[in-house]
Amino acid sequence: MPDSGDVRAQCLAAVEAQLGKPAANALVAAETNFPGCLGIMHRDLPEMVARGYADVAFTWFHLVSFWAHAFPDHFEFVAVPGVVSFFTKIAFARTANPLRPEAAKAFDEFFFVRARDVYPRHDFARMDDNEFGAPLGLD
């Protein structure tokens, strides 16, 4: 599970919806630390499975897809019937005076020109025209 914040709450809600509250509570109770644990879910989960600290990892589709393609001897993608994707907004802000202006310009070009087509090829959900590049309100 993610270490804190809204993402952790969303993941726990998804597990509860899929498995029920008792099983979700048992899953959280079984969380562990291990040598080299970083507290970064997308790095720790494959490490735990590869080292045999866990039998399975429950996480985002695009991560499992990557692990299964990159390390087929360690990972297998298993779809969980009935699981519905939930949305997490990704945002970035431009800086007025970047330390490396060319790098900032290149990232901006990648994110707003190329990422829209690159991300779905790596199993990220495709964003529609209203989502991609939309301003994010800061409430």
Foldseek 3Di string as FASTA:
>chain_A
DQDDDDVVVVVLVLCCVQPNDVVSVVVVVLDDDDVPDDSGLLVPQLVCQQVVVDVDDDDDPLSLLVCCVVPVVRHDDDDRPPRDDDDDDDDDDDDPDDPDVVVSVVVVCCQQPPCLPVVVVSPDDHDDPCRRPDDDDDD
